[in-house]
Amino acid sequence: MCLLANLHWHETAVLANTLRIKPHSVSLHAELLAAAGYVSIRVAGRRTKMRLTPLGLDRLTGHVTALQEVAGTAALLVTARHGVPRSPT
């Protein structure tokens, strides 16, 4: 979904190539995301394109924010246990 964050239309074949997975896998995920209202899909001939919806962007933003909080908490726990990280020499 991060690849779709710019809200532009992206071809599933290009996304598959970028992610190094089969286009069929991208299509399957896209269908699930579309059913949840997170992406829009449009088919033109043999090309399928998708883009993030405003709802999808909202959910992605919330997910990334939660991951940042988890990473921040983990950093605090590691620092508390092992002290402040030293820079490499």
C-alpha atoms as a PDB file:
ATOM      1  CA  MET A   1       0.000   0.000   0.000  1.00  0.00           C
ATOM      2  CA  CYS A   2       2.948   2.319   0.556  1.00  0.00           C
ATOM      3  CA  LEU A   3       3.642   2.154  -3.184  1.00  0.00           C
ATOM      4  CA  LEU A   4       0.155   3.580  -3.739  1.00  0.00           C
ATOM      5  CA  ALA A   5       0.433   6.400  -1.195  1.00  0.00           C
ATOM      6  CA  ASN A   6       0.749   9.065  -3.900  1.00  0.00           C
ATOM      7  CA  LEU A   7      -2.890   8.299  -4.909  1.00  0.00           C
ATOM      8  CA  HIS A   8      -1.928   7.842  -8.585  1.00  0.00           C
ATOM      9  CA  TRP A   9      -3.024   4.915 -10.736  1.00  0.00           C
ATOM     10  CA  HIS A  10      -0.443   2.111 -10.866  1.00  0.00           C
ATOM     11  CA  GLU A  11      -0.407  -0.926 -13.142  1.00  0.00           C
ATOM     12  CA  THR A  12      -0.501  -4.189 -11.253  1.00  0.00           C
ATOM     13  CA  ALA A  13       2.275  -5.556 -13.494  1.00  0.00           C
ATOM     14  CA  VAL A  14       4.573  -2.696 -12.467  1.00  0.00           C
ATOM     15  CA  LEU A  15       3.695  -3.178  -8.802  1.00  0.00           C
ATOM     16  CA  ALA A  16       4.359  -6.910  -9.125  1.00  0.00           C
ATOM     17  CA  ASN A  17       7.736  -6.224 -10.709  1.00  0.00           C
ATOM     18  CA  THR A  18       8.653  -3.715  -7.998  1.00  0.00           C
ATOM     19  CA  LEU A  19       7.619  -6.139  -5.251  1.00  0.00           C
ATOM     20  CA  ARG A  20       9.170  -9.103  -7.088  1.00  0.00           C
ATOM     21  CA  ILE A  21       6.000 -11.151  -6.925  1.00  0.00           C
ATOM     22  CA  LYS A  22       3.659 -12.549  -9.567  1.00  0.00           C
ATOM     23  CA  PRO A  23       1.025 -10.218 -11.022  1.00  0.00           C
ATOM     24  CA  HIS A  24      -1.631 -12.748 -10.007  1.00  0.00           C
ATOM     25  CA  SER A  25      -0.620 -12.282  -6.351  1.00  0.00           C
ATOM     26  CA  VAL A  26      -0.962  -8.505  -6.682  1.00  0.00           C
ATOM     27  CA  SER A  27      -4.399  -8.973  -8.251  1.00  0.00           C
ATOM     28  CA  LEU A  28      -5.549 -11.225  -5.409  1.00  0.00           C
ATOM     29  CA  HIS A  29      -4.416  -8.717  -2.793  1.00  0.00           C
ATOM     30  CA  ALA A  30      -5.934  -5.862  -4.777  1.00  0.00           C
ATOM     31  CA  GLU A  31      -9.316  -7.587  -4.783  1.00  0.00           C
ATOM     32  CA  LEU A  32      -9.217  -7.950  -0.992  1.00  0.00           C
ATOM     33  CA  LEU A  33      -8.138  -4.336  -0.553  1.00  0.00           C
ATOM     34  CA  ALA A  34     -10.876  -3.184  -2.942  1.00  0.00           C
ATOM     35  CA  ALA A  35     -13.494  -5.182  -1.017  1.00  0.00           C
ATOM     36  CA  ALA A  36     -12.395  -3.330   2.131  1.00  0.00           C
ATOM     37  CA  GLY A  37     -12.617   0.005   0.300  1.00  0.00           C
ATOM     38  CA  TYR A  38      -8.872   0.664   0.484  1.00  0.00           C
ATOM     39  CA  VAL A  39      -8.107   0.657  -3.249  1.00  0.00           C
ATOM     40  CA  SER A  40      -9.941   1.368  -6.494  1.00  0.00           C
ATOM     41  CA  ILE A  41      -9.349  -0.931  -9.451  1.00  0.00           C
ATOM     42  CA  ARG A  42      -9.851  -0.151 -13.114  1.00  0.00           C
ATOM     43  CA  VAL A  43      -9.377  -2.490 -16.049  1.00  0.00           C
ATOM     44  CA  ALA A  44      -8.561  -1.264 -19.550  1.00  0.00           C
ATOM     45  CA  GLY A  45      -8.101  -4.125 -21.980  1.00  0.00           C
ATOM     46  CA  ARG A  46      -5.419  -6.403 -20.569  1.00  0.00           C
ATOM     47  CA  ARG A  47      -4.093  -3.786 -18.151  1.00  0.00           C
ATOM     48  CA  THR A  48      -5.296  -3.508 -14.605  1.00  0.00           C
ATOM     49  CA  LYS A  49      -4.543  -0.416 -12.588  1.00  0.00           C
ATOM     50  CA  MET A  50      -5.204   0.429  -8.992  1.00  0.00           C
ATOM     51  CA  ARG A  51      -4.876   3.338  -6.644  1.00  0.00           C
ATOM     52  CA  LEU A  52      -5.343   3.994  -2.964  1.00  0.00           C
ATOM     53  CA  THR A  53      -8.650   5.502  -1.891  1.00  0.00           C
ATOM     54  CA  PRO A  54      -8.878   8.243   0.735  1.00  0.00           C
ATOM     55  CA  LEU A  55     -10.005   5.549   3.199  1.00  0.00           C
ATOM     56  CA  GLY A  56      -7.001   3.423   2.233  1.00  0.00           C
ATOM     57  CA  LEU A  57      -4.660   6.372   2.779  1.00  0.00           C
ATOM     58  CA  ASP A  58      -6.258   7.007   6.163  1.00  0.00           C
ATOM     59  CA  ARG A  59      -5.796   3.356   7.201  1.00  0.00           C
ATOM     60  CA  LEU A  60      -2.217   3.295   5.869  1.00  0.00           C
ATOM     61  CA  THR A  61      -1.389   6.470   7.793  1.00  0.00           C
ATOM     62  CA  GLY A  62      -2.819   4.969  10.970  1.00  0.00           C
ATOM     63  CA  HIS A  63      -0.836   1.769  10.467  1.00  0.00           C
ATOM     64  CA  VAL A  64       2.431   3.627   9.855  1.00  0.00           C
ATOM     65  CA  THR A  65       1.797   5.814  12.919  1.00  0.00           C
ATOM     66  CA  ALA A  66       1.228   2.705  15.051  1.00  0.00           C
ATOM     67  CA  LEU A  67       4.438   1.137  13.724  1.00  0.00           C
ATOM     68  CA  GLN A  68       6.349   4.315  14.594  1.00  0.00           C
ATOM     69  CA  GLU A  69       4.989   4.146  18.143  1.00  0.00           C
ATOM     70  CA  VAL A  70       6.021   0.498  18.472  1.00  0.00           C
ATOM     71  CA  ALA A  71       9.510   1.303  17.150  1.00  0.00           C
ATOM     72  CA  GLY A  72       9.793   4.240  19.565  1.00  0.00           C
ATOM     73  CA  THR A  73       8.788   2.091  22.518  1.00  0.00           C
ATOM     74  CA  ALA A  74      11.255  -0.606  21.453  1.00  0.00           C
ATOM     75  CA  ALA A  75      14.036   1.983  21.219  1.00  0.00           C
ATOM     76  CA  LEU A  76      13.235   3.221  24.731  1.00  0.00           C
ATOM     77  CA  LEU A  77      13.276  -0.322  26.113  1.00  0.00           C
ATOM     78  CA  VAL A  78      16.597  -1.137  24.453  1.00  0.00           C
ATOM     79  CA  THR A  79      18.131   2.130  25.630  1.00  0.00           C
ATOM     80  CA  ALA A  80      16.894   1.596  29.194  1.00  0.00           C
ATOM     81  CA  ARG A  81      18.377  -1.894  29.270  1.00  0.00           C
ATOM     82  CA  HIS A  82      21.631  -1.295  27.427  1.00  0.00           C
ATOM     83  CA  GLY A  83      22.263   2.417  27.754  1.00  0.00           C
ATOM     84  CA  VAL A  84      22.539   4.974  25.011  1.00  0.00           C
ATOM     85  CA  PRO A  85      23.832   3.453  21.777  1.00  0.00           C
ATOM     86  CA  ARG A  86      27.410   4.359  20.937  1.00  0.00           C
ATOM     87  CA  SER A  87      28.350   5.582  17.515  1.00  0.00           C
ATOM     88  CA  PRO A  88      30.556   3.219  15.511  1.00  0.00           C
ATOM     89  CA  THR A  89      34.256   4.001  15.653  1.00  0.00           C
END
